[in-house]
Amino acid sequence: MPQLMLLLERDKYIHWNRCHESSQVVSDIFWTHPDSMKSLNAFNIVLLMDSTYKTNKYRLSLFEIVGVTSTGLTFSAVFILMSSERPLCSSDQ
């Protein structure tokens, strides 16, 4: 994980992670390339979202968002490895 974070920083990826409340163990990580965000802002009409469940070594779900350009080409927009699909914050209302 430290190597991944180092590479994301070095290559100027947009990234975010969340740790378990009781430890420093990463439970979720989001990353995207800045050029992917530019493409996503330009072509945000058709987005394909898919999630694979528990198929990797760490049994984490991989959620991917793919965009489609006006000429029909696809581009990877966002990747998220997540331990669960719980919300980021809870509302006490």
N, C-alpha and C. Protein backbone atom coordinates (compact mmCIF):
# COMPACT_ATOMS: atom_id res chain seq x y z
N MET A 1 0.82 -1.19 0.00
CA MET A 1 0.00 0.00 0.00
C MET A 1 0.87 1.26 0.00
N PRO A 2 1.95 1.30 0.78
CA PRO A 2 2.79 2.52 0.72
C PRO A 2 3.35 2.77 -0.69
N GLN A 3 3.70 1.69 -1.40
CA GLN A 3 4.22 1.86 -2.76
C GLN A 3 3.14 2.41 -3.69
N LEU A 4 1.92 1.90 -3.57
CA LEU A 4 0.82 2.41 -4.39
C LEU A 4 0.59 3.90 -4.12
N MET A 5 0.56 4.27 -2.85
CA MET A 5 0.33 5.68 -2.50
C MET A 5 1.47 6.56 -3.04
N LEU A 6 2.69 6.06 -2.97
CA LEU A 6 3.84 6.79 -3.49
C LEU A 6 3.70 7.01 -5.00
N LEU A 7 3.30 5.96 -5.73
CA LEU A 7 3.14 6.08 -7.18
C LEU A 7 1.99 7.02 -7.55
N LEU A 8 0.89 6.96 -6.81
CA LEU A 8 -0.23 7.87 -7.07
C LEU A 8 0.19 9.32 -6.88
N GLU A 9 0.95 9.57 -5.84
CA GLU A 9 1.45 10.93 -5.57
C GLU A 9 2.44 11.36 -6.66
N ARG A 10 3.37 10.47 -6.98
CA ARG A 10 4.41 10.80 -7.95
C ARG A 10 3.81 11.14 -9.32
N ASP A 11 2.81 10.37 -9.74
CA ASP A 11 2.22 10.56 -11.06
C ASP A 11 1.03 11.52 -11.05
N LYS A 12 0.82 12.17 -9.91
CA LYS A 12 -0.19 13.22 -9.75
C LYS A 12 -1.62 12.74 -10.02
N TYR A 13 -1.91 11.51 -9.60
CA TYR A 13 -3.28 11.00 -9.69
C TYR A 13 -4.14 11.68 -8.63
N ILE A 14 -5.41 11.80 -8.92
CA ILE A 14 -6.38 12.24 -7.91
C ILE A 14 -6.73 10.99 -7.13
N HIS A 15 -6.56 11.02 -5.83
CA HIS A 15 -6.83 9.81 -5.05
C HIS A 15 -7.33 10.18 -3.66
N TRP A 16 -7.94 9.20 -3.05
CA TRP A 16 -8.51 9.36 -1.71
C TRP A 16 -8.58 7.97 -1.10
N ASN A 17 -8.38 7.88 0.21
CA ASN A 17 -8.54 6.58 0.86
C ASN A 17 -9.21 6.74 2.20
N ARG A 18 -9.73 5.63 2.67
CA ARG A 18 -10.41 5.60 3.97
C ARG A 18 -9.84 4.43 4.75
N CYS A 19 -9.57 4.65 6.03
CA CYS A 19 -9.04 3.61 6.90
C CYS A 19 -10.11 3.12 7.86
N HIS A 20 -9.90 1.91 8.37
CA HIS A 20 -10.79 1.42 9.42
C HIS A 20 -10.68 2.36 10.62
N GLU A 21 -11.78 2.55 11.32
CA GLU A 21 -11.81 3.50 12.43
C GLU A 21 -10.83 3.15 13.54
N SER A 22 -10.61 1.87 13.78
CA SER A 22 -9.78 1.47 14.91
C SER A 22 -8.31 1.25 14.56
N SER A 23 -7.94 1.43 13.28
CA SER A 23 -6.55 1.18 12.89
C SER A 23 -6.17 2.05 11.70
N GLN A 24 -4.97 1.87 11.24
CA GLN A 24 -4.49 2.58 10.05
C GLN A 24 -4.56 1.69 8.81
N VAL A 25 -5.36 0.63 8.84
CA VAL A 25 -5.51 -0.27 7.71
C VAL A 25 -6.47 0.35 6.71
N VAL A 26 -6.02 0.47 5.47
CA VAL A 26 -6.85 1.07 4.42
C VAL A 26 -7.98 0.11 4.07
N SER A 27 -9.20 0.62 4.08
CA SER A 27 -10.35 -0.21 3.73
C SER A 27 -10.89 0.12 2.35
N ASP A 28 -10.70 1.35 1.87
CA ASP A 28 -11.20 1.77 0.57
C ASP A 28 -10.21 2.74 -0.05
N ILE A 29 -10.08 2.66 -1.37
CA ILE A 29 -9.21 3.60 -2.07
C ILE A 29 -9.84 3.96 -3.42
N PHE A 30 -9.82 5.24 -3.73
CA PHE A 30 -10.35 5.80 -4.97
C PHE A 30 -9.19 6.42 -5.73
N TRP A 31 -9.12 6.21 -7.04
CA TRP A 31 -8.10 6.89 -7.82
C TRP A 31 -8.57 7.12 -9.25
N THR A 32 -8.07 8.21 -9.82
CA THR A 32 -8.33 8.55 -11.21
C THR A 32 -7.20 9.45 -11.71
N HIS A 33 -6.96 9.40 -12.98
CA HIS A 33 -5.93 10.25 -13.58
C HIS A 33 -6.55 11.61 -13.91
N PRO A 34 -5.81 12.70 -13.77
CA PRO A 34 -6.36 14.02 -14.09
C PRO A 34 -6.92 14.12 -15.52
N ASP A 35 -6.27 13.47 -16.48
CA ASP A 35 -6.79 13.48 -17.85
C ASP A 35 -8.13 12.76 -17.95
N SER A 36 -8.32 11.73 -17.14
CA SER A 36 -9.60 11.02 -17.11
C SER A 36 -10.70 11.94 -16.59
N MET A 37 -10.37 12.78 -15.63
CA MET A 37 -11.36 13.73 -15.11
C MET A 37 -11.72 14.77 -16.16
N LYS A 38 -10.75 15.19 -16.96
CA LYS A 38 -11.03 16.13 -18.05
C LYS A 38 -11.98 15.47 -19.06
N SER A 39 -11.71 14.21 -19.39
CA SER A 39 -12.58 13.49 -20.32
C SER A 39 -13.97 13.30 -19.72
N LEU A 40 -14.02 13.00 -18.43
CA LEU A 40 -15.30 12.81 -17.76
C LEU A 40 -16.12 14.10 -17.76
N ASN A 41 -15.47 15.22 -17.56
CA ASN A 41 -16.18 16.51 -17.60
C ASN A 41 -16.67 16.84 -19.01
N ALA A 42 -15.92 16.42 -20.02
CA ALA A 42 -16.32 16.71 -21.40
C ALA A 42 -17.40 15.75 -21.91
N PHE A 43 -17.33 14.50 -21.47
CA PHE A 43 -18.26 13.47 -21.95
C PHE A 43 -18.93 12.80 -20.76
N ASN A 44 -19.90 13.47 -20.17
CA ASN A 44 -20.54 12.97 -18.95
C ASN A 44 -21.97 12.49 -19.18
N ILE A 45 -22.35 12.25 -20.42
CA ILE A 45 -23.72 11.83 -20.72
C ILE A 45 -23.89 10.32 -20.54
N VAL A 46 -22.96 9.54 -21.08
CA VAL A 46 -23.06 8.08 -20.99
C VAL A 46 -21.92 7.57 -20.11
N LEU A 47 -22.29 6.99 -18.98
CA LEU A 47 -21.31 6.39 -18.07
C LEU A 47 -21.72 4.95 -17.80
N LEU A 48 -20.76 4.06 -17.87
CA LEU A 48 -20.98 2.66 -17.56
C LEU A 48 -20.33 2.37 -16.22
N MET A 49 -21.07 1.76 -15.32
CA MET A 49 -20.55 1.45 -13.99
C MET A 49 -20.65 -0.05 -13.77
N ASP A 50 -19.57 -0.63 -13.28
CA ASP A 50 -19.56 -2.06 -13.05
C ASP A 50 -18.74 -2.35 -11.80
N SER A 51 -19.14 -3.37 -11.11
CA SER A 51 -18.43 -3.77 -9.91
C SER A 51 -18.21 -5.27 -9.93
N THR A 52 -16.98 -5.67 -9.64
CA THR A 52 -16.67 -7.08 -9.48
C THR A 52 -16.59 -7.34 -7.98
N TYR A 53 -17.13 -8.43 -7.54
CA TYR A 53 -17.20 -8.71 -6.12
C TYR A 53 -16.27 -9.84 -5.71
N LYS A 54 -15.37 -9.53 -4.79
CA LYS A 54 -14.56 -10.52 -4.11
C LYS A 54 -13.79 -11.44 -5.05
N THR A 55 -13.27 -10.90 -6.16
CA THR A 55 -12.55 -11.74 -7.11
C THR A 55 -11.04 -11.55 -7.05
N ASN A 56 -10.56 -10.64 -6.22
CA ASN A 56 -9.12 -10.43 -6.15
C ASN A 56 -8.55 -11.06 -4.88
N LYS A 57 -7.27 -10.99 -4.77
CA LYS A 57 -6.54 -11.62 -3.65
C LYS A 57 -7.04 -11.16 -2.28
N TYR A 58 -7.43 -9.89 -2.17
CA TYR A 58 -7.84 -9.33 -0.89
C TYR A 58 -9.35 -9.34 -0.68
N ARG A 59 -10.09 -9.93 -1.62
CA ARG A 59 -11.54 -10.07 -1.54
C ARG A 59 -12.24 -8.71 -1.41
N LEU A 60 -11.69 -7.70 -2.08
CA LEU A 60 -12.29 -6.37 -2.12
C LEU A 60 -13.07 -6.21 -3.42
N SER A 61 -14.12 -5.43 -3.38
CA SER A 61 -14.89 -5.13 -4.58
C SER A 61 -14.16 -4.06 -5.38
N LEU A 62 -14.07 -4.25 -6.69
CA LEU A 62 -13.51 -3.24 -7.58
C LEU A 62 -14.66 -2.60 -8.34
N PHE A 63 -14.84 -1.31 -8.14
CA PHE A 63 -15.88 -0.55 -8.81
C PHE A 63 -15.21 0.33 -9.85
N GLU A 64 -15.65 0.24 -11.10
CA GLU A 64 -15.05 1.01 -12.18
C GLU A 64 -16.13 1.80 -12.91
N ILE A 65 -15.80 3.03 -13.25
CA ILE A 65 -16.68 3.88 -14.05
C ILE A 65 -15.97 4.13 -15.38
N VAL A 66 -16.67 3.84 -16.46
CA VAL A 66 -16.13 4.02 -17.81
C VAL A 66 -17.01 5.03 -18.53
N GLY A 67 -16.39 5.97 -19.21
CA GLY A 67 -17.13 6.96 -19.98
C GLY A 67 -17.09 6.62 -21.46
N VAL A 68 -18.03 7.20 -22.21
CA VAL A 68 -18.11 7.00 -23.65
C VAL A 68 -18.08 8.38 -24.31
N THR A 69 -17.18 8.55 -25.28
CA THR A 69 -17.07 9.84 -25.98
C THR A 69 -18.16 9.95 -27.05
N SER A 70 -18.25 11.11 -27.65
CA SER A 70 -19.25 11.33 -28.70
C SER A 70 -18.96 10.52 -29.96
N THR A 71 -17.74 10.02 -30.11
CA THR A 71 -17.40 9.17 -31.26
C THR A 71 -17.47 7.69 -30.93
N GLY A 72 -17.93 7.36 -29.72
CA GLY A 72 -18.10 5.97 -29.33
C GLY A 72 -16.89 5.31 -28.69
N LEU A 73 -15.82 6.05 -28.49
CA LEU A 73 -14.65 5.50 -27.80
C LEU A 73 -14.90 5.47 -26.30
N THR A 74 -14.31 4.53 -25.62
CA THR A 74 -14.46 4.44 -24.16
C THR A 74 -13.17 4.86 -23.47
N PHE A 75 -13.31 5.32 -22.25
CA PHE A 75 -12.16 5.68 -21.42
C PHE A 75 -12.47 5.32 -19.98
N SER A 76 -11.45 4.88 -19.27
CA SER A 76 -11.60 4.58 -17.85
C SER A 76 -11.60 5.89 -17.09
N ALA A 77 -12.63 6.10 -16.30
CA ALA A 77 -12.75 7.36 -15.58
C ALA A 77 -12.30 7.23 -14.13
N VAL A 78 -12.82 6.24 -13.42
CA VAL A 78 -12.58 6.12 -11.98
C VAL A 78 -12.46 4.65 -11.60
N PHE A 79 -11.58 4.38 -10.64
CA PHE A 79 -11.46 3.05 -10.04
C PHE A 79 -11.60 3.20 -8.53
N ILE A 80 -12.31 2.26 -7.91
CA ILE A 80 -12.44 2.26 -6.45
C ILE A 80 -12.35 0.83 -5.96
N LEU A 81 -11.43 0.56 -5.06
CA LEU A 81 -11.39 -0.71 -4.33
C LEU A 81 -12.07 -0.45 -3.00
N MET A 82 -13.08 -1.24 -2.68
CA MET A 82 -13.82 -0.97 -1.45
C MET A 82 -14.12 -2.25 -0.69
N SER A 83 -14.08 -2.14 0.62
CA SER A 83 -14.34 -3.30 1.47
C SER A 83 -15.82 -3.51 1.69
N SER A 84 -16.61 -2.44 1.59
CA SER A 84 -18.06 -2.56 1.74
C SER A 84 -18.72 -1.40 1.02
N GLU A 85 -20.02 -1.46 0.91
CA GLU A 85 -20.76 -0.40 0.23
C GLU A 85 -21.47 0.51 1.22
N ARG A 86 -20.93 0.65 2.38
CA ARG A 86 -21.54 1.53 3.39
C ARG A 86 -21.25 2.98 3.04
N PRO A 87 -22.12 3.90 3.47
CA PRO A 87 -21.91 5.32 3.16
C PRO A 87 -20.67 5.88 3.86
N LEU A 88 -20.17 6.98 3.33
CA LEU A 88 -18.99 7.61 3.91
C LEU A 88 -19.26 8.18 5.29
N CYS A 89 -20.44 8.72 5.50
CA CYS A 89 -20.77 9.28 6.80
C CYS A 89 -22.22 8.93 7.10
N SER A 90 -22.53 8.87 8.38
CA SER A 90 -23.90 8.57 8.75
C SER A 90 -24.58 9.83 9.24
N SER A 91 -25.86 9.90 8.99
CA SER A 91 -26.64 11.04 9.43
C SER A 91 -27.38 10.70 10.71
N ASP A 92 -27.29 11.56 11.69
CA ASP A 92 -27.95 11.31 12.98
C ASP A 92 -29.26 12.06 13.08
N GLN A 93 -29.97 12.23 11.98
CA GLN A 93 -31.22 12.98 11.99
C GLN A 93 -32.37 12.10 12.35
